[in-house]
C-alpha atoms as a PDB file:
ATOM      1  CA  MET A   1     -13.455  16.105 -31.953  1.00  0.00           C
ATOM      2  CA  GLN A   2      -9.611  16.951 -31.839  1.00  0.00           C
ATOM      3  CA  GLN A   3     -10.299  19.384 -29.125  1.00  0.00           C
ATOM      4  CA  LYS A   4     -12.469  16.716 -27.212  1.00  0.00           C
ATOM      5  CA  GLN A   5      -9.674  14.134 -27.461  1.00  0.00           C
ATOM      6  CA  LYS A   6      -7.022  16.804 -25.660  1.00  0.00           C
ATOM      7  CA  THR A   7      -9.267  17.468 -22.958  1.00  0.00           C
ATOM      8  CA  PHE A   8     -10.050  13.768 -22.431  1.00  0.00           C
ATOM      9  CA  ARG A   9      -6.390  13.371 -22.238  1.00  0.00           C
ATOM     10  CA  LEU A  10      -5.751  16.346 -19.897  1.00  0.00           C
ATOM     11  CA  VAL A  11      -8.200  14.547 -17.941  1.00  0.00           C
ATOM     12  CA  LEU A  12      -6.852  11.493 -18.140  1.00  0.00           C
ATOM     13  CA  THR A  13      -3.149  12.679 -17.041  1.00  0.00           C
ATOM     14  CA  ALA A  14      -4.566  14.801 -14.102  1.00  0.00           C
ATOM     15  CA  PHE A  15      -6.202  11.338 -13.286  1.00  0.00           C
ATOM     16  CA  PHE A  16      -3.090   9.403 -13.099  1.00  0.00           C
ATOM     17  CA  LEU A  17      -1.151  12.110 -11.736  1.00  0.00           C
ATOM     18  CA  ALA A  18      -3.996  12.191  -8.552  1.00  0.00           C
ATOM     19  CA  ILE A  19      -3.259   8.488  -8.200  1.00  0.00           C
ATOM     20  CA  LEU A  20       0.322   8.971  -7.878  1.00  0.00           C
ATOM     21  CA  ILE A  21      -0.319  11.687  -4.929  1.00  0.00           C
ATOM     22  CA  LEU A  22      -2.670   9.319  -3.206  1.00  0.00           C
ATOM     23  CA  LEU A  23      -0.398   6.259  -3.639  1.00  0.00           C
ATOM     24  CA  SER A  24       2.696   8.497  -2.019  1.00  0.00           C
ATOM     25  CA  SER A  25       0.219   9.739   0.777  1.00  0.00           C
ATOM     26  CA  VAL A  26      -1.087   6.544   2.282  1.00  0.00           C
ATOM     27  CA  PRO A  27       1.337   4.950   4.439  1.00  0.00           C
ATOM     28  CA  PHE A  28       2.571   1.484   3.001  1.00  0.00           C
ATOM     29  CA  LEU A  29       0.388   1.822  -0.269  1.00  0.00           C
ATOM     30  CA  GLY A  30       2.793   3.737  -2.520  1.00  0.00           C
ATOM     31  CA  PHE A  31       5.993   3.108  -0.554  1.00  0.00           C
ATOM     32  CA  ILE A  32       6.595  -0.263   1.217  1.00  0.00           C
ATOM     33  CA  PRO A  33       9.531  -0.448   3.518  1.00  0.00           C
ATOM     34  CA  ILE A  34      11.627  -3.685   2.646  1.00  0.00           C
ATOM     35  CA  GLY A  35      15.070  -3.627   4.462  1.00  0.00           C
ATOM     36  CA  PRO A  36      17.469  -0.417   3.556  1.00  0.00           C
ATOM     37  CA  LEU A  37      14.873   0.421   0.668  1.00  0.00           C
ATOM     38  CA  ASN A  38      11.289   0.976   0.067  1.00  0.00           C
ATOM     39  CA  ALA A  39       9.159  -1.219  -2.581  1.00  0.00           C
ATOM     40  CA  THR A  40       6.792   0.655  -4.437  1.00  0.00           C
ATOM     41  CA  THR A  41       3.654   0.867  -6.602  1.00  0.00           C
ATOM     42  CA  LEU A  42       3.814   4.180  -8.069  1.00  0.00           C
ATOM     43  CA  HIS A  43       5.554   2.862 -10.982  1.00  0.00           C
ATOM     44  CA  ILE A  44       2.125   1.138 -12.057  1.00  0.00           C
ATOM     45  CA  PRO A  45       0.476   4.045 -13.152  1.00  0.00           C
ATOM     46  CA  VAL A  46       3.372   5.527 -15.028  1.00  0.00           C
ATOM     47  CA  ILE A  47       3.489   2.363 -16.961  1.00  0.00           C
ATOM     48  CA  ILE A  48       0.013   2.218 -17.786  1.00  0.00           C
ATOM     49  CA  ALA A  49      -0.228   6.144 -18.586  1.00  0.00           C
ATOM     50  CA  SER A  50       2.870   5.356 -21.159  1.00  0.00           C
ATOM     51  CA  ILE A  51       0.899   2.914 -22.996  1.00  0.00           C
ATOM     52  CA  ILE A  52      -2.415   4.580 -22.812  1.00  0.00           C
ATOM     53  CA  LEU A  53      -1.420   8.313 -23.201  1.00  0.00           C
ATOM     54  CA  GLY A  54       1.935   8.114 -24.947  1.00  0.00           C
ATOM     55  CA  PRO A  55       5.757   8.724 -24.266  1.00  0.00           C
ATOM     56  CA  ARG A  56       5.192  12.384 -23.890  1.00  0.00           C
ATOM     57  CA  LEU A  57       2.709  12.205 -20.768  1.00  0.00           C
ATOM     58  CA  GLY A  58       4.220   9.056 -19.528  1.00  0.00           C
ATOM     59  CA  ALA A  59       7.525  10.702 -19.397  1.00  0.00           C
ATOM     60  CA  PHE A  60       5.748  13.821 -17.210  1.00  0.00           C
ATOM     61  CA  LEU A  61       4.097  11.142 -15.081  1.00  0.00           C
ATOM     62  CA  GLY A  62       7.483   9.188 -14.562  1.00  0.00           C
ATOM     63  CA  ALA A  63       9.160  12.724 -13.875  1.00  0.00           C
ATOM     64  CA  SER A  64       6.368  13.402 -11.276  1.00  0.00           C
ATOM     65  CA  PHE A  65       6.974  10.139  -9.778  1.00  0.00           C
ATOM     66  CA  GLY A  66      10.915  11.051  -9.148  1.00  0.00           C
ATOM     67  CA  VAL A  67       9.848  14.413  -7.750  1.00  0.00           C
ATOM     68  CA  ILE A  68       7.574  12.644  -5.231  1.00  0.00           C
ATOM     69  CA  SER A  69      10.215  10.367  -4.297  1.00  0.00           C
ATOM     70  CA  MET A  70      12.480  13.318  -3.738  1.00  0.00           C
ATOM     71  CA  ILE A  71      10.306  15.108  -1.508  1.00  0.00           C
ATOM     72  CA  ARG A  72       9.287  11.797   0.559  1.00  0.00           C
ATOM     73  CA  SER A  73      13.063  11.057   0.875  1.00  0.00           C
ATOM     74  CA  THR A  74      13.748  14.541   2.033  1.00  0.00           C
ATOM     75  CA  ILE A  75      10.619  14.573   4.987  1.00  0.00           C
ATOM     76  CA  ILE A  76      10.817  11.038   5.834  1.00  0.00           C
ATOM     77  CA  VAL A  77      14.669  10.609   6.478  1.00  0.00           C
ATOM     78  CA  THR A  78      15.968   7.135   6.370  1.00  0.00           C
ATOM     79  CA  PRO A  79      19.546   5.747   6.091  1.00  0.00           C
ATOM     80  CA  LEU A  80      19.282   5.786   2.453  1.00  0.00           C
ATOM     81  CA  SER A  81      17.559   9.087   1.704  1.00  0.00           C
ATOM     82  CA  PHE A  82      20.960  10.611   0.427  1.00  0.00           C
ATOM     83  CA  VAL A  83      20.039   8.496  -2.738  1.00  0.00           C
ATOM     84  CA  PHE A  84      17.196  10.309  -4.017  1.00  0.00           C
ATOM     85  CA  SER A  85      17.275  13.456  -2.161  1.00  0.00           C
ATOM     86  CA  PRO A  86      19.836  15.964  -3.170  1.00  0.00           C
ATOM     87  CA  PHE A  87      18.951  17.696   0.164  1.00  0.00           C
ATOM     88  CA  ILE A  88      19.937  14.807   2.376  1.00  0.00           C
ATOM     89  CA  ALA A  89      23.879  14.100   3.405  1.00  0.00           C
ATOM     90  CA  PRO A  90      24.954  10.762   3.298  1.00  0.00           C
ATOM     91  CA  PHE A  91      24.238   8.630   6.831  1.00  0.00           C
ATOM     92  CA  GLY A  92      27.316  10.122   9.060  1.00  0.00           C
ATOM     93  CA  ALA A  93      28.048  12.955   6.887  1.00  0.00           C
ATOM     94  CA  SER A  94      27.162  16.686   7.540  1.00  0.00           C
ATOM     95  CA  GLY A  95      26.008  19.290   5.241  1.00  0.00           C
ATOM     96  CA  TYR A  96      23.778  18.638   2.148  1.00  0.00           C
ATOM     97  CA  GLY A  97      23.621  15.849  -0.105  1.00  0.00           C
ATOM     98  CA  SER A  98      24.545  15.523  -3.987  1.00  0.00           C
ATOM     99  CA  TRP A  99      23.387  16.739  -7.132  1.00  0.00           C
ATOM    100  CA  LYS A 100      23.699  12.920  -8.270  1.00  0.00           C
ATOM    101  CA  ALA A 101      20.599  11.979  -6.362  1.00  0.00           C
ATOM    102  CA  ILE A 102      18.434  14.188  -8.880  1.00  0.00           C
ATOM    103  CA  LEU A 103      19.483  11.700 -11.478  1.00  0.00           C
ATOM    104  CA  ILE A 104      18.592   8.804  -9.663  1.00  0.00           C
ATOM    105  CA  ALA A 105      15.274  10.231  -8.605  1.00  0.00           C
ATOM    106  CA  LEU A 106      14.199  11.360 -12.099  1.00  0.00           C
ATOM    107  CA  ILE A 107      15.947   9.526 -15.149  1.00  0.00           C
ATOM    108  CA  PRO A 108      15.001   5.734 -13.978  1.00  0.00           C
ATOM    109  CA  ARG A 109      11.145   6.931 -13.444  1.00  0.00           C
ATOM    110  CA  ILE A 110      11.367   9.102 -16.818  1.00  0.00           C
ATOM    111  CA  LEU A 111      12.322   5.925 -18.530  1.00  0.00           C
ATOM    112  CA  ILE A 112       9.312   4.159 -17.339  1.00  0.00           C
ATOM    113  CA  GLY A 113       6.856   6.245 -18.763  1.00  0.00           C
ATOM    114  CA  ILE A 114       8.848   5.978 -22.175  1.00  0.00           C
ATOM    115  CA  VAL A 115       9.991   2.452 -22.552  1.00  0.00           C
ATOM    116  CA  PRO A 116       6.487   0.380 -21.918  1.00  0.00           C
ATOM    117  CA  TYR A 117       5.027   2.697 -24.462  1.00  0.00           C
ATOM    118  CA  TYR A 118       7.611   1.753 -27.425  1.00  0.00           C
ATOM    119  CA  PHE A 119       7.696  -1.923 -26.468  1.00  0.00           C
ATOM    120  CA  TYR A 120       3.711  -2.290 -26.485  1.00  0.00           C
ATOM    121  CA  GLN A 121       3.801  -0.467 -30.018  1.00  0.00           C
ATOM    122  CA  TRP A 122       6.587  -2.760 -31.189  1.00  0.00           C
ATOM    123  CA  PHE A 123       4.589  -5.695 -29.937  1.00  0.00           C
ATOM    124  CA  GLU A 124       1.409  -4.925 -31.341  1.00  0.00           C
ATOM    125  CA  LYS A 125       2.932  -4.429 -34.952  1.00  0.00           C
ATOM    126  CA  ARG A 126       4.793  -7.805 -34.481  1.00  0.00           C
ATOM    127  CA  MET A 127       1.823  -9.769 -33.669  1.00  0.00           C
ATOM    128  CA  LYS A 128      -0.528  -7.654 -35.962  1.00  0.00           C
ATOM    129  CA  ASN A 129      -2.963  -6.436 -32.923  1.00  0.00           C
ATOM    130  CA  GLN A 130      -3.131 -10.090 -31.727  1.00  0.00           C
ATOM    131  CA  LYS A 131      -2.387 -11.361 -28.030  1.00  0.00           C
ATOM    132  CA  ARG A 132      -2.969  -7.688 -26.559  1.00  0.00           C
ATOM    133  CA  GLY A 133      -2.999  -9.026 -22.959  1.00  0.00           C
ATOM    134  CA  LEU A 134       0.261 -10.716 -23.157  1.00  0.00           C
ATOM    135  CA  GLY A 135       1.711  -7.474 -24.884  1.00  0.00           C
ATOM    136  CA  LEU A 136       0.525  -5.663 -21.949  1.00  0.00           C
ATOM    137  CA  PHE A 137       1.519  -7.834 -19.481  1.00  0.00           C
ATOM    138  CA  ILE A 138       5.260  -7.719 -20.839  1.00  0.00           C
ATOM    139  CA  ALA A 139       5.547  -3.948 -21.035  1.00  0.00           C
ATOM    140  CA  GLY A 140       4.130  -3.646 -17.350  1.00  0.00           C
ATOM    141  CA  LEU A 141       6.788  -6.290 -16.646  1.00  0.00           C
ATOM    142  CA  LEU A 142       9.309  -4.246 -18.502  1.00  0.00           C
ATOM    143  CA  GLY A 143       8.617  -1.235 -17.034  1.00  0.00           C
ATOM    144  CA  GLY A 144       8.860  -2.556 -13.372  1.00  0.00           C
ATOM    145  CA  ILE A 145      12.417  -4.098 -14.440  1.00  0.00           C
ATOM    146  CA  VAL A 146      13.627  -0.969 -15.637  1.00  0.00           C
ATOM    147  CA  ASN A 147      12.720   0.962 -12.586  1.00  0.00           C
ATOM    148  CA  THR A 148      14.452  -1.346 -10.214  1.00  0.00           C
ATOM    149  CA  VAL A 149      17.593  -2.173 -12.517  1.00  0.00           C
ATOM    150  CA  VAL A 150      18.329   1.531 -13.355  1.00  0.00           C
ATOM    151  CA  VAL A 151      18.026   2.644  -9.925  1.00  0.00           C
ATOM    152  CA  MET A 152      19.790   0.288  -8.644  1.00  0.00           C
ATOM    153  CA  ASN A 153      22.677   0.240 -11.082  1.00  0.00           C
ATOM    154  CA  MET A 154      22.920   4.341 -10.621  1.00  0.00           C
ATOM    155  CA  VAL A 155      22.963   3.848  -6.835  1.00  0.00           C
ATOM    156  CA  TYR A 156      26.196   1.654  -7.370  1.00  0.00           C
ATOM    157  CA  PHE A 157      28.047   3.825  -9.691  1.00  0.00           C
ATOM    158  CA  LEU A 158      27.176   7.012  -8.339  1.00  0.00           C
ATOM    159  CA  PHE A 159      27.182   6.387  -4.597  1.00  0.00           C
ATOM    160  CA  GLN A 160      29.220   3.182  -4.087  1.00  0.00           C
ATOM    161  CA  THR A 161      30.951   4.105  -1.298  1.00  0.00           C
ATOM    162  CA  GLU A 162      28.138   5.778   0.716  1.00  0.00           C
ATOM    163  CA  TYR A 163      25.928   3.048  -0.085  1.00  0.00           C
ATOM    164  CA  ALA A 164      28.672   0.053   0.967  1.00  0.00           C
ATOM    165  CA  GLN A 165      28.867   2.126   4.539  1.00  0.00           C
ATOM    166  CA  VAL A 166      25.191   1.888   5.154  1.00  0.00           C
ATOM    167  CA  ILE A 167      24.679  -1.662   4.222  1.00  0.00           C
ATOM    168  CA  GLY A 168      28.075  -2.607   5.968  1.00  0.00           C
ATOM    169  CA  GLU A 169      29.597  -4.047   2.691  1.00  0.00           C
ATOM    170  CA  ALA A 170      32.691  -3.773   0.746  1.00  0.00           C
ATOM    171  CA  GLY A 171      34.272  -5.006  -2.612  1.00  0.00           C
ATOM    172  CA  ASN A 172      31.871  -7.269  -4.712  1.00  0.00           C
ATOM    173  CA  ALA A 173      29.782  -7.809  -2.053  1.00  0.00           C
ATOM    174  CA  VAL A 174      28.359  -4.275  -2.540  1.00  0.00           C
ATOM    175  CA  TYR A 175      27.069  -5.281  -6.144  1.00  0.00           C
ATOM    176  CA  ALA A 176      25.751  -8.578  -5.088  1.00  0.00           C
ATOM    177  CA  ALA A 177      23.676  -6.897  -2.351  1.00  0.00           C
ATOM    178  CA  ILE A 178      22.314  -4.761  -5.333  1.00  0.00           C
ATOM    179  CA  LEU A 179      21.533  -8.076  -7.137  1.00  0.00           C
ATOM    180  CA  SER A 180      19.810  -9.387  -4.256  1.00  0.00           C
ATOM    181  CA  ILE A 181      17.606  -6.477  -3.921  1.00  0.00           C
ATOM    182  CA  ILE A 182      16.865  -6.460  -7.886  1.00  0.00           C
ATOM    183  CA  PHE A 183      15.688 -10.109  -7.985  1.00  0.00           C
ATOM    184  CA  ALA A 184      14.226 -10.018  -4.370  1.00  0.00           C
ATOM    185  CA  GLN A 185      12.328  -6.803  -4.478  1.00  0.00           C
ATOM    186  CA  GLY A 186      12.366  -6.002  -8.566  1.00  0.00           C
ATOM    187  CA  ILE A 187      11.125  -9.029  -9.699  1.00  0.00           C
ATOM    188  CA  PRO A 188       7.925  -9.045  -7.525  1.00  0.00           C
ATOM    189  CA  GLU A 189       7.162  -5.696  -8.467  1.00  0.00           C
ATOM    190  CA  ALA A 190       7.871  -6.085 -11.936  1.00  0.00           C
ATOM    191  CA  ILE A 191       5.086  -9.126 -11.758  1.00  0.00           C
ATOM    192  CA  VAL A 192       2.738  -7.112 -10.118  1.00  0.00           C
ATOM    193  CA  ALA A 193       3.144  -4.296 -12.722  1.00  0.00           C
ATOM    194  CA  GLY A 194       2.695  -6.554 -15.335  1.00  0.00           C
ATOM    195  CA  ILE A 195      -0.792  -8.062 -14.080  1.00  0.00           C
ATOM    196  CA  ALA A 196      -2.093  -4.867 -13.131  1.00  0.00           C
ATOM    197  CA  THR A 197      -1.047  -3.228 -16.569  1.00  0.00           C
ATOM    198  CA  ALA A 198      -2.557  -6.128 -18.386  1.00  0.00           C
ATOM    199  CA  GLY A 199      -5.903  -5.533 -16.366  1.00  0.00           C
ATOM    200  CA  VAL A 200      -5.995  -2.132 -16.435  1.00  0.00           C
ATOM    201  CA  ALA A 201      -4.829  -0.983 -19.620  1.00  0.00           C
ATOM    202  CA  THR A 202      -7.216  -3.628 -21.597  1.00  0.00           C
ATOM    203  CA  VAL A 203     -10.257  -1.920 -20.388  1.00  0.00           C
ATOM    204  CA  LEU A 204      -9.040   1.429 -20.664  1.00  0.00           C
ATOM    205  CA  LEU A 205      -7.683   0.826 -24.387  1.00  0.00           C
ATOM    206  CA  ARG A 206     -10.981  -0.557 -25.396  1.00  0.00           C
ATOM    207  CA  PHE A 207     -12.779   2.338 -23.744  1.00  0.00           C
ATOM    208  CA  LEU A 208     -10.417   4.921 -25.773  1.00  0.00           C
ATOM    209  CA  LYS A 209     -11.378   2.814 -28.926  1.00  0.00           C
ATOM    210  CA  ASN A 210     -15.270   2.849 -28.407  1.00  0.00           C
ATOM    211  CA  ARG A 211     -14.889   6.947 -27.951  1.00  0.00           C
ATOM    212  CA  VAL A 212     -13.040   6.877 -31.589  1.00  0.00           C
END
């Protein structure tokens, strides 16, 4: 029985990884160009996997999301590719990019695979297994917010000068631009993630429970 559970978890992990690759391969599905950055849907499978499979496999899939974003930013060069790819120099500069881009590509995405799991576990214990749908929605919402907030704040603290040159702002206006992206892009992403997580994870959790 234990071996079957391990095999099933491995299959599910491969399934979620395949979804990530599919979303990233289809134009305007995984990465949606909006202004200087891309909105994304790749955080949704990672959030769901975190809740279903746990933080270790969730972190693995989050790291996979990060690697995919690095590869994409290296192949499809935009003015802000240097933020996610260590191989792309800032706009107008020569040479290679910075290792700091690896941190931005990986750390927030790994957190997406960890934070929703622990929040949902806390919520379930607090609510005594009631209001599962609400807990899943908030976990998905939180995962989406973590993605945008951590990414944009790391961009500000690690690439403030370079980012300011790209958007044509300076001083306090740079962080104002960061906040506008968090609210205008991050909040809708998080709401979509919450709805998708509540819908899909509810079915998967019920399915897993019936297998036990």
